[in-house]
């Protein structure tokens, strides 16, 4: 019996020892594969660097990729040797200005180390920056260091694959450039996103800059991304959110009406329609079709302060950061919704008195496009680790914040806006349903209080197909010149961008 137990223990030890030997062999093979295949080019460049004198540290950084519509990976940021006879690798951006505010760039930061300064380069700096290793480092130190990192779950580095589609990005940037030529705004920007997943296909700002020549810019303000770092009073594109809150809470129905007198007084403050004109008895559809301030003020009154506050702050999460994977995101300014004065809720119902970031606004409006779900907007879809492994990024489960019947009703209304009212129905697509709304907001005067009489923000959002949306588009411009209303400046650019996406992605007709 004793011999039998001894034999079993001996066999077990042999098996454990064999397993450990095999594990070490596999790790060595894996490490050799890493050194010779995956990181071979990097080490070859380091070897070449031995023949020149280094005046600055050798940058070693992973790649950022765009993703085309077929899933192909296209380089957005990589490394290259700038010229013969130098070993200092430079960060290179093949697209130049393409997605400049989103990609960001690498630069020295008051020291001898190049780091990501803006955009994805900064947000994912630790993942993109490979550790600076000596070419002739002890092999076993590297080997067991790799094992230790694996066992301890240490931070890994790798290439990042974005959701940005280069052709869509280029078209959005072309749209903004044409808009700038026509209307000369101080600033404009846009976002194209998948309503169901929150994947951002395009994100652009105008004016922009060339990532390969960022040092030629004299004003560093151009590097900021106002889509996540600035807040604006968005105007009438907020009206569909007020309508949705009213329908969702059942204080109104699509068949409800109100008496429009042209202006009302709340807390000694006068509120008027954009033209000051009365409409008489008005159905809910016309609130959106004619963009009536008194209409959404009526809904706000029916909602009451507590209920409206709950929808705007807890359902739509206005006033909160979205969690987008970009640096410098700020939250909106929604303190007016903590007021006891009804006038603050009335003005918020048509997008004045509260200020939100464009990305925060898109997240809220997107609940109308996807059946009532709050998603996390994001730019990274996967990571190719330097170890050879790949991981799909997770962005959490969408949160249901509106009833499906609510978003269906609002989508019908916004589709009718496009078919009949927007630009007098001239941008209607016969074979495609499109839901959209414009916004014209007064710009606050920070010096004297109140609002400028001649400065406006023009905004526009839409999604399509209306009842199974594949894309949501957001556009905005600060102080465009030559036209007072957003419907005059943004309707045609939105129409052209919609047609491009339909053709490029071969979206089948839905009507």
Protein backbone atom coordinates (compact mmCIF):
# COMPACT_ATOMS: atom_id res chain seq x y z
CA UNK A 1 0.00 0.00 0.00
CA UNK A 2 2.82 2.34 0.94
CA UNK A 3 4.60 1.56 -2.37
CA UNK A 4 1.41 2.27 -4.32
CA UNK A 5 0.97 5.70 -2.68
CA UNK A 6 4.65 6.50 -3.25
CA UNK A 7 4.32 5.59 -6.92
CA UNK A 8 1.26 7.81 -7.32
CA UNK A 9 3.02 10.74 -5.67
CA UNK A 10 6.05 10.18 -7.87
CA UNK A 11 3.92 10.12 -11.05
CA UNK A 12 2.10 13.28 -9.93
CA UNK A 13 5.41 15.07 -9.36
CA UNK A 14 6.65 13.97 -12.78
CA UNK A 15 3.46 15.30 -14.41
CA UNK A 16 3.72 18.65 -12.60
CA UNK A 17 7.39 18.97 -13.53
CA UNK A 18 6.60 18.11 -17.15
CA UNK A 19 3.77 20.67 -17.22
CA UNK A 20 6.02 23.37 -15.81
CA UNK A 21 8.74 22.57 -18.33
CA UNK A 22 6.22 22.76 -21.18
CA UNK A 23 4.90 26.06 -19.82
CA UNK A 24 8.39 27.55 -19.70
CA UNK A 25 9.09 26.31 -23.25
CA UNK A 26 5.84 27.87 -24.51
CA UNK A 27 6.65 31.15 -22.78
CA UNK A 28 10.15 31.16 -24.30
CA UNK A 29 8.72 30.43 -27.76
CA UNK A 30 6.11 33.12 -27.29
CA UNK A 31 8.72 35.61 -26.15
CA UNK A 32 10.97 34.78 -29.09
CA UNK A 33 7.99 35.26 -31.40
CA UNK A 34 7.36 38.63 -29.78
CA UNK A 35 10.99 39.72 -30.09
CA UNK A 36 11.58 38.51 -33.65
CA UNK A 37 8.21 38.88 -35.35
CA UNK A 38 5.88 41.34 -33.62
CA UNK A 39 8.56 43.69 -32.28
CA UNK A 40 11.24 42.80 -34.82
CA UNK A 41 10.94 46.05 -36.75
CA UNK A 42 11.18 48.07 -33.56
CA UNK A 43 14.37 46.30 -32.46
CA UNK A 44 15.87 46.59 -35.94
CA UNK A 45 15.32 50.34 -35.83
CA UNK A 46 16.97 50.46 -32.40
CA UNK A 47 19.96 48.59 -33.76
CA UNK A 48 20.23 51.05 -36.64
CA UNK A 49 20.11 53.84 -34.10
CA UNK A 50 23.40 52.69 -32.57
CA UNK A 51 25.36 54.19 -35.48
CA UNK A 52 24.23 57.79 -34.77
CA UNK A 53 24.44 59.97 -31.72
CA UNK A 54 21.12 60.34 -29.93
CA UNK A 55 20.25 63.91 -28.96
CA UNK A 56 16.69 63.09 -27.86
CA UNK A 57 15.05 59.94 -26.50
CA UNK A 58 13.99 57.40 -29.11
CA UNK A 59 10.21 57.51 -29.42
CA UNK A 60 8.61 54.09 -29.41
CA UNK A 61 4.85 54.23 -29.78
CA UNK A 62 2.05 52.00 -30.97
CA UNK A 63 -0.28 52.65 -33.88
CA UNK A 64 -3.76 54.17 -34.06
CA UNK A 65 -6.06 52.81 -36.77
CA UNK A 66 -9.21 54.00 -38.49
CA UNK A 67 -11.75 51.32 -39.44
CA UNK A 68 -13.35 51.40 -42.88
CA UNK A 69 -16.93 50.30 -43.54
CA UNK A 70 -15.77 46.75 -44.37
CA UNK A 71 -13.79 46.36 -41.15
CA UNK A 72 -10.39 47.08 -42.69
CA UNK A 73 -7.81 48.87 -40.54
CA UNK A 74 -6.25 52.03 -41.97
CA UNK A 75 -3.35 53.79 -40.27
CA UNK A 76 -4.24 57.06 -38.54
CA UNK A 77 -1.04 57.51 -36.49
CA UNK A 78 2.26 55.65 -36.74
CA UNK A 79 6.08 56.13 -36.65
CA UNK A 80 8.54 56.94 -39.41
CA UNK A 81 12.14 58.03 -39.86
CA UNK A 82 11.97 61.61 -41.13
CA UNK A 83 15.15 61.50 -43.18
CA UNK A 84 18.26 59.48 -43.88
CA UNK A 85 21.07 59.78 -41.36
CA UNK A 86 18.92 60.29 -38.28
CA UNK A 87 17.47 57.69 -35.96
CA UNK A 88 14.89 59.85 -34.23
CA UNK A 89 11.57 58.33 -35.23
CA UNK A 90 8.78 60.84 -35.62
CA UNK A 91 5.07 60.48 -35.06
CA UNK A 92 3.40 60.54 -38.46
CA UNK A 93 -0.27 61.10 -39.34
CA UNK A 94 -1.00 59.93 -42.91
CA UNK A 95 -4.32 61.79 -42.97
CA UNK A 96 -2.80 65.16 -42.10
CA UNK A 97 -5.85 67.14 -40.98
CA UNK A 98 -8.17 64.12 -40.93
CA UNK A 99 -9.81 63.81 -37.49
CA UNK A 100 -7.13 66.09 -36.04
CA UNK A 101 -9.08 67.14 -32.95
CA UNK A 102 -10.00 63.53 -32.20
CA UNK A 103 -6.67 61.82 -32.88
CA UNK A 104 -4.51 64.45 -31.13
CA UNK A 105 -0.73 64.48 -31.35
CA UNK A 106 2.52 63.66 -29.52
CA UNK A 107 4.86 66.39 -28.29
CA UNK A 108 7.44 67.22 -25.65
CA UNK A 109 5.97 68.54 -22.42
CA UNK A 110 8.66 70.64 -20.69
CA UNK A 111 10.89 67.57 -20.45
CA UNK A 112 12.73 65.11 -22.68
CA UNK A 113 9.77 62.74 -23.05
CA UNK A 114 7.24 62.84 -25.86
CA UNK A 115 3.70 62.19 -24.69
CA UNK A 116 0.19 62.36 -26.07
CA UNK A 117 -1.00 65.93 -25.68
CA UNK A 118 -4.55 65.96 -27.09
CA UNK A 119 -7.23 63.56 -28.30
CA UNK A 120 -6.79 59.80 -28.33
CA UNK A 121 -3.01 60.20 -28.19
CA UNK A 122 -3.43 61.67 -24.72
CA UNK A 123 -6.38 59.62 -23.47
CA UNK A 124 -4.68 56.31 -24.37
CA UNK A 125 -1.12 57.51 -23.77
CA UNK A 126 -0.19 54.67 -21.41
CA UNK A 127 -1.48 52.07 -23.82
CA UNK A 128 0.21 53.60 -26.85
CA UNK A 129 3.58 54.33 -25.24
CA UNK A 130 5.77 51.25 -25.31
CA UNK A 131 8.24 50.88 -22.46
CA UNK A 132 11.71 52.09 -23.39
CA UNK A 133 13.77 48.91 -23.34
CA UNK A 134 17.48 48.41 -23.96
CA UNK A 135 18.07 46.34 -27.07
CA UNK A 136 20.53 44.13 -25.21
CA UNK A 137 18.48 43.71 -22.03
CA UNK A 138 18.94 40.36 -20.28
CA UNK A 139 16.70 37.82 -22.00
CA UNK A 140 15.68 36.04 -18.82
CA UNK A 141 14.84 39.33 -17.12
CA UNK A 142 12.49 40.08 -20.04
CA UNK A 143 11.14 36.55 -20.04
CA UNK A 144 10.23 36.35 -16.38
CA UNK A 145 9.20 40.00 -16.39
CA UNK A 146 6.64 39.10 -19.05
CA UNK A 147 5.40 36.18 -16.96
CA UNK A 148 5.16 38.43 -13.88
CA UNK A 149 3.23 41.09 -15.81
CA UNK A 150 0.84 38.44 -17.13
CA UNK A 151 0.21 36.93 -13.71
CA UNK A 152 -0.24 40.30 -12.04
CA UNK A 153 -2.43 41.73 -14.80
CA UNK A 154 -0.09 44.67 -15.38
CA UNK A 155 -0.98 47.50 -17.75
CA UNK A 156 -0.38 46.30 -21.31
CA UNK A 157 0.50 48.34 -24.35
CA UNK A 158 -0.78 47.92 -27.87
CA UNK A 159 -2.29 49.36 -31.04
CA UNK A 160 -5.76 50.87 -30.76
CA UNK A 161 -8.45 50.46 -33.39
CA UNK A 162 -10.95 53.30 -33.57
CA UNK A 163 -14.57 53.39 -34.71
CA UNK A 164 -13.75 56.34 -37.00
CA UNK A 165 -14.55 55.59 -40.64
CA UNK A 166 -12.11 57.61 -42.79
CA UNK A 167 -14.44 58.26 -45.73
CA UNK A 168 -17.27 59.39 -43.45
CA UNK A 169 -14.80 61.54 -41.50
CA UNK A 170 -13.56 63.12 -44.73
CA UNK A 171 -17.11 63.83 -45.90
CA UNK A 172 -18.05 65.44 -42.59
CA UNK A 173 -14.96 67.64 -42.77
CA UNK A 174 -15.76 68.58 -46.37
CA UNK A 175 -19.29 69.51 -45.25
CA UNK A 176 -17.92 71.79 -42.53
CA UNK A 177 -15.48 73.42 -44.96
CA UNK A 178 -18.26 74.20 -47.43
CA UNK A 179 -20.39 75.54 -44.59
CA UNK A 180 -17.54 77.82 -43.48
CA UNK A 181 -17.21 79.17 -47.02
CA UNK A 182 -20.92 79.94 -47.21
CA UNK A 183 -21.65 81.23 -43.69
CA UNK A 184 -18.29 82.19 -42.15
CA UNK A 185 -18.95 80.98 -38.57
CA UNK A 186 -16.50 81.51 -35.74
CA UNK A 187 -16.59 77.76 -35.15
CA UNK A 188 -18.49 74.73 -36.42
CA UNK A 189 -18.50 71.03 -35.70
CA UNK A 190 -20.27 67.74 -36.27
CA UNK A 191 -20.69 64.16 -35.09
CA UNK A 192 -21.91 61.05 -36.92
CA UNK A 193 -22.71 58.10 -34.63
CA UNK A 194 -24.33 54.68 -34.59
CA UNK A 195 -27.49 55.21 -32.49
CA UNK A 196 -27.61 51.65 -31.18
CA UNK A 197 -24.00 51.16 -30.08
CA UNK A 198 -22.62 54.66 -29.54
CA UNK A 199 -19.76 54.02 -32.00
CA UNK A 200 -18.65 57.35 -33.47
CA UNK A 201 -18.01 57.19 -37.21
CA UNK A 202 -16.91 60.81 -37.54
CA UNK A 203 -16.16 63.77 -35.27
CA UNK A 204 -14.91 67.02 -36.74
CA UNK A 205 -14.26 70.66 -35.88
CA UNK A 206 -13.65 73.65 -38.14
CA UNK A 207 -11.24 75.42 -38.26
CA UNK A 208 -8.80 72.54 -38.00
CA UNK A 209 -5.03 71.97 -38.31
CA UNK A 210 -2.47 69.54 -39.76
CA UNK A 211 -1.28 66.99 -37.19
CA UNK A 212 2.10 66.73 -38.93
CA UNK A 213 2.65 70.50 -38.61
CA UNK A 214 0.87 71.33 -35.36
CA UNK A 215 3.90 73.36 -34.25
CA UNK A 216 3.09 75.94 -36.92
CA UNK A 217 -0.04 77.00 -35.02
CA UNK A 218 0.34 80.22 -33.04
CA UNK A 219 -2.83 79.84 -30.96
CA UNK A 220 -3.06 76.63 -28.96
CA UNK A 221 -6.83 77.13 -28.53
CA UNK A 222 -7.24 75.50 -31.93
CA UNK A 223 -6.15 72.16 -30.42
CA UNK A 224 -9.12 72.04 -28.01
CA UNK A 225 -12.06 69.86 -28.94
CA UNK A 226 -15.22 71.93 -28.33
CA UNK A 227 -17.38 68.86 -28.97
CA UNK A 228 -16.42 67.63 -25.49
CA UNK A 229 -14.68 70.61 -23.85
CA UNK A 230 -17.19 73.46 -24.38
CA UNK A 231 -20.86 74.03 -23.52
CA UNK A 232 -23.51 75.84 -25.51
CA UNK A 233 -27.16 76.76 -25.21
CA UNK A 234 -28.46 74.52 -28.00
CA UNK A 235 -31.84 76.05 -28.74
CA UNK A 236 -34.75 74.26 -30.38
CA UNK A 237 -33.11 70.86 -30.95
CA UNK A 238 -33.97 70.37 -27.24
CA UNK A 239 -37.71 70.66 -28.00
CA UNK A 240 -38.06 66.99 -29.06
CA UNK A 241 -36.68 65.98 -25.62
CA UNK A 242 -39.34 68.11 -23.93
CA UNK A 243 -42.00 66.58 -26.17
CA UNK A 244 -40.73 63.08 -25.34
CA UNK A 245 -40.83 63.81 -21.60
CA UNK A 246 -44.43 65.00 -21.90
CA UNK A 247 -45.52 61.95 -23.88
CA UNK A 248 -43.57 59.50 -21.75
CA UNK A 249 -45.08 60.81 -18.51
CA UNK A 250 -48.54 60.93 -20.16
CA UNK A 251 -49.21 64.59 -19.32
CA UNK A 252 -49.89 65.02 -23.04
CA UNK A 253 -50.74 62.76 -25.99
CA UNK A 254 -49.94 63.23 -29.69
CA UNK A 255 -53.53 64.48 -30.07
CA UNK A 256 -53.30 67.13 -27.31
CA UNK A 257 -53.72 70.83 -28.16
CA UNK A 258 -53.03 74.15 -26.46
CA UNK A 259 -54.02 77.76 -27.06
CA UNK A 260 -51.08 79.72 -28.48
CA UNK A 261 -51.32 83.43 -27.63
CA UNK A 262 -47.95 84.40 -29.03
CA UNK A 263 -46.43 85.29 -25.67
CA UNK A 264 -46.88 84.56 -21.97
CA UNK A 265 -45.44 85.92 -18.73
CA UNK A 266 -43.89 83.64 -16.12
CA UNK A 267 -42.27 84.99 -12.95
CA UNK A 268 -42.46 88.47 -14.47
CA UNK A 269 -40.49 87.33 -17.53
CA UNK A 270 -41.98 87.42 -21.02
CA UNK A 271 -41.68 84.34 -23.23
CA UNK A 272 -42.57 84.56 -26.92
CA UNK A 273 -42.50 82.50 -30.07
CA UNK A 274 -39.58 83.30 -32.39
CA UNK A 275 -41.80 85.71 -34.35
CA UNK A 276 -44.04 86.80 -31.47
CA UNK A 277 -47.10 85.69 -33.42
CA UNK A 278 -50.08 83.85 -31.92
CA UNK A 279 -51.30 80.61 -33.55
CA UNK A 280 -54.56 79.92 -31.71
CA UNK A 281 -55.41 76.30 -30.98
CA UNK A 282 -52.34 74.25 -31.90
CA UNK A 283 -51.81 70.43 -31.98
CA UNK A 284 -48.59 68.86 -30.68
CA UNK A 285 -47.20 68.20 -34.16
CA UNK A 286 -47.09 71.91 -34.95
CA UNK A 287 -44.95 72.59 -31.88
CA UNK A 288 -42.12 70.79 -33.65
CA UNK A 289 -43.07 71.67 -37.22
CA UNK A 290 -43.25 75.41 -36.45
CA UNK A 291 -40.71 75.26 -33.57
CA UNK A 292 -43.00 77.04 -31.10
CA UNK A 293 -41.49 78.18 -27.81
CA UNK A 294 -44.93 78.56 -26.24
CA UNK A 295 -45.75 74.97 -27.18
CA UNK A 296 -42.89 73.40 -25.26
CA UNK A 297 -43.44 75.92 -22.44
CA UNK A 298 -46.98 74.53 -22.23
CA UNK A 299 -45.56 71.00 -21.97
CA UNK A 300 -43.09 72.13 -19.29
CA UNK A 301 -45.97 73.57 -17.28
CA UNK A 302 -47.90 70.30 -17.58
CA UNK A 303 -44.83 68.34 -16.52
CA UNK A 304 -44.13 70.50 -13.48
CA UNK A 305 -40.71 71.23 -12.08
CA UNK A 306 -39.99 67.94 -10.33
CA UNK A 307 -40.98 65.73 -13.24
CA UNK A 308 -39.20 67.83 -15.86
CA UNK A 309 -36.07 67.98 -13.71
CA UNK A 310 -36.14 64.18 -13.42
CA UNK A 311 -36.36 63.66 -17.19
CA UNK A 312 -33.70 66.19 -18.10
CA UNK A 313 -31.22 65.30 -15.36
CA UNK A 314 -31.87 61.62 -14.60
CA UNK A 315 -33.23 60.23 -17.87
CA UNK A 316 -31.31 62.27 -20.45
CA UNK A 317 -28.37 62.87 -18.05
CA UNK A 318 -27.96 66.47 -19.15
CA UNK A 319 -25.40 68.05 -16.85
CA UNK A 320 -23.32 64.85 -16.66
CA UNK A 321 -20.22 63.75 -18.54
CA UNK A 322 -20.89 60.99 -21.06
CA UNK A 323 -17.73 58.98 -20.36
CA UNK A 324 -16.50 59.31 -23.95
CA UNK A 325 -12.87 58.23 -24.31
CA UNK A 326 -11.45 61.69 -24.95
CA UNK A 327 -9.55 63.93 -22.51
CA UNK A 328 -10.93 67.12 -21.05
CA UNK A 329 -14.62 66.27 -21.15
CA UNK A 330 -16.72 68.63 -19.04
CA UNK A 331 -20.33 68.45 -17.90
CA UNK A 332 -23.17 70.74 -18.88
CA UNK A 333 -24.48 73.67 -16.86
CA UNK A 334 -28.00 72.86 -15.72
CA UNK A 335 -28.30 74.80 -12.44
CA UNK A 336 -31.43 76.54 -13.74
CA UNK A 337 -33.25 73.22 -13.36
CA UNK A 338 -32.71 73.46 -9.60
CA UNK A 339 -34.62 76.75 -9.51
CA UNK A 340 -38.05 77.21 -7.94
CA UNK A 341 -39.07 79.59 -10.73
CA UNK A 342 -41.18 78.11 -13.51
CA UNK A 343 -39.68 80.49 -16.06
CA UNK A 344 -36.35 78.61 -15.87
CA UNK A 345 -38.08 75.36 -16.83
CA UNK A 346 -39.96 77.05 -19.65
CA UNK A 347 -36.78 78.44 -21.19
CA UNK A 348 -34.97 75.11 -20.70
CA UNK A 349 -37.81 73.42 -22.62
CA UNK A 350 -36.63 75.20 -25.78
CA UNK A 351 -32.90 74.96 -25.10
CA UNK A 352 -32.09 78.30 -23.47
CA UNK A 353 -30.80 78.86 -19.94
CA UNK A 354 -29.09 75.47 -19.83
CA UNK A 355 -25.82 74.75 -21.64
CA UNK A 356 -24.51 71.34 -22.65
CA UNK A 357 -21.58 69.91 -24.57
CA UNK A 358 -22.30 68.72 -28.11
CA UNK A 359 -21.49 65.10 -27.17
CA UNK A 360 -23.77 65.33 -24.13
CA UNK A 361 -26.52 66.69 -26.36
CA UNK A 362 -26.02 63.91 -28.91
CA UNK A 363 -26.27 61.23 -26.20
CA UNK A 364 -29.60 62.67 -25.01
CA UNK A 365 -31.09 63.14 -28.50
CA UNK A 366 -29.94 59.66 -29.44
CA UNK A 367 -32.53 58.17 -27.07
CA UNK A 368 -35.14 59.24 -29.64
CA UNK A 369 -33.31 57.42 -32.43
CA UNK A 370 -32.77 54.01 -30.78
CA UNK A 371 -36.02 53.28 -28.99
CA UNK A 372 -35.27 55.03 -25.71
CA UNK A 373 -31.81 53.79 -24.70
CA UNK A 374 -28.96 55.81 -23.24
CA UNK A 375 -25.64 54.60 -24.69
CA UNK A 376 -22.01 55.59 -24.10
CA UNK A 377 -20.49 57.44 -27.07
CA UNK A 378 -17.04 56.02 -27.77
CA UNK A 379 -14.15 55.97 -30.24
CA UNK A 380 -12.22 52.75 -29.58
CA UNK A 381 -13.55 49.37 -30.61
CA UNK A 382 -10.56 47.07 -29.94
CA UNK A 383 -6.94 46.84 -28.85
CA UNK A 384 -4.15 44.76 -30.42
CA UNK A 385 -1.84 44.16 -27.47
CA UNK A 386 1.90 43.89 -27.97
CA UNK A 387 1.64 40.39 -26.50
CA UNK A 388 -0.22 39.29 -29.62
CA UNK A 389 -3.62 39.18 -27.92
CA UNK A 390 -6.62 41.20 -29.05
CA UNK A 391 -9.51 42.50 -26.97
CA UNK A 392 -12.83 44.01 -27.95
CA UNK A 393 -13.65 47.02 -25.80
CA UNK A 394 -16.80 46.92 -23.69
CA UNK A 395 -18.87 50.06 -23.14
CA UNK A 396 -21.59 48.80 -20.84
CA UNK A 397 -25.20 47.88 -21.46
CA UNK A 398 -27.54 50.56 -22.84
CA UNK A 399 -29.94 51.93 -20.23
CA UNK A 400 -33.65 52.18 -21.02
CA UNK A 401 -34.83 55.72 -20.18
CA UNK A 402 -37.87 56.24 -22.44
CA UNK A 403 -40.75 53.98 -23.45
CA UNK A 404 -40.54 52.59 -26.98
CA UNK A 405 -43.98 54.01 -27.82
CA UNK A 406 -42.72 57.45 -26.78
CA UNK A 407 -39.76 57.43 -29.15
CA UNK A 408 -41.94 56.02 -31.94
CA UNK A 409 -44.39 58.91 -31.53
CA UNK A 410 -41.62 61.54 -31.50
CA UNK A 411 -39.94 59.90 -34.51
CA UNK A 412 -43.21 60.17 -36.44
CA UNK A 413 -43.42 63.86 -35.54
CA UNK A 414 -39.82 64.58 -36.55
CA UNK A 415 -40.29 62.68 -39.82
CA UNK A 416 -43.28 64.88 -40.60
CA UNK A 417 -41.08 67.92 -39.83
CA UNK A 418 -38.69 66.82 -42.61
CA UNK A 419 -41.41 65.76 -45.04
CA UNK A 420 -43.56 68.88 -44.77
CA UNK A 421 -41.96 71.76 -42.84
CA UNK A 422 -38.16 71.78 -43.04
CA UNK A 423 -37.09 73.92 -46.01
CA UNK A 424 -40.74 73.70 -47.13
CA UNK A 425 -40.36 69.96 -47.69
CA UNK A 426 -37.69 70.37 -50.37
CA UNK A 427 -35.20 68.02 -48.66
CA UNK A 428 -37.73 65.20 -48.19
CA UNK A 429 -36.47 61.82 -49.46
CA UNK A 430 -39.28 59.91 -51.18
CA UNK A 431 -37.84 56.46 -50.48
CA UNK A 432 -36.28 57.08 -47.05
CA UNK A 433 -37.76 58.29 -43.79
CA UNK A 434 -35.65 60.94 -42.07
CA UNK A 435 -36.33 62.49 -38.65
CA UNK A 436 -34.75 65.88 -37.89
CA UNK A 437 -35.02 69.20 -36.05
CA UNK A 438 -33.22 72.54 -36.26
CA UNK A 439 -32.18 74.83 -33.44
CA UNK A 440 -31.47 78.56 -33.33
CA UNK A 441 -30.24 79.81 -29.95
CA UNK A 442 -29.38 83.24 -28.71
CA UNK A 443 -25.79 83.50 -27.47
CA UNK A 444 -25.33 84.72 -23.91
CA UNK A 445 -23.39 87.93 -23.30
CA UNK A 446 -20.87 87.11 -20.54
CA UNK A 447 -19.96 90.75 -20.06
CA UNK A 448 -23.28 92.51 -19.71
CA UNK A 449 -25.62 89.61 -18.94
CA UNK A 450 -28.62 88.71 -21.07
CA UNK A 451 -28.17 87.78 -24.73
CA UNK A 452 -26.64 89.35 -27.80
CA UNK A 453 -29.26 90.63 -30.21
CA UNK A 454 -27.28 89.68 -33.32
CA UNK A 455 -25.31 86.56 -32.41
CA UNK A 456 -26.75 83.07 -32.69
CA UNK A 457 -25.83 79.40 -32.48
CA UNK A 458 -27.26 77.25 -35.26
CA UNK A 459 -27.72 73.55 -34.47
CA UNK A 460 -29.23 70.60 -36.32
CA UNK A 461 -29.76 66.94 -35.55
CA UNK A 462 -31.36 64.09 -37.45
CA UNK A 463 -31.44 60.32 -37.76
CA UNK A 464 -32.44 57.81 -40.41
CA UNK A 465 -34.15 55.61 -41.31
CA UNK A 466 -36.58 57.12 -38.82
CA UNK A 467 -37.82 53.85 -37.31
CA UNK A 468 -34.65 51.76 -37.47
CA UNK A 469 -31.91 54.37 -37.39
CA UNK A 470 -28.46 53.46 -38.65
CA UNK A 471 -27.00 56.96 -38.17
CA UNK A 472 -27.54 60.03 -36.05
CA UNK A 473 -26.02 63.31 -37.24
CA UNK A 474 -25.37 66.41 -35.14
CA UNK A 475 -24.18 69.72 -36.59
CA UNK A 476 -23.63 73.11 -34.99
CA UNK A 477 -22.11 76.49 -35.76
CA UNK A 478 -21.27 79.48 -33.58
CA UNK A 479 -22.12 82.90 -35.00
CA UNK A 480 -22.73 82.08 -38.67
CA UNK A 481 -23.16 85.18 -40.83
CA UNK A 482 -25.84 85.99 -43.39
CA UNK A 483 -28.90 84.05 -42.19
CA UNK A 484 -30.85 84.24 -38.91
CA UNK A 485 -32.16 80.66 -38.68
CA UNK A 486 -30.50 77.23 -38.62
CA UNK A 487 -33.00 75.88 -41.15
CA UNK A 488 -31.45 78.29 -43.67
CA UNK A 489 -27.84 77.29 -43.03
CA UNK A 490 -27.89 73.59 -42.02
CA UNK A 491 -30.79 71.96 -43.91
CA UNK A 492 -28.89 71.48 -47.17
CA UNK A 493 -25.58 70.32 -45.61
CA UNK A 494 -27.50 67.78 -43.51
CA UNK A 495 -29.39 66.63 -46.61
CA UNK A 496 -26.15 66.14 -48.56
CA UNK A 497 -24.49 64.27 -45.70
CA UNK A 498 -27.55 62.02 -45.36
CA UNK A 499 -27.47 61.18 -49.07
CA UNK A 500 -23.75 60.40 -48.87
CA UNK A 501 -24.27 57.94 -46.00
CA UNK A 502 -27.21 56.27 -47.74
CA UNK A 503 -25.17 55.75 -50.91
CA UNK A 504 -21.87 54.87 -49.24
CA UNK A 505 -23.41 52.23 -46.97
CA UNK A 506 -26.03 51.12 -49.52
CA UNK A 507 -28.88 51.61 -47.03
CA UNK A 508 -32.03 49.97 -48.41
CA UNK A 509 -35.15 52.15 -48.78
CA UNK A 510 -37.73 51.92 -46.00
CA UNK A 511 -40.71 53.44 -47.77
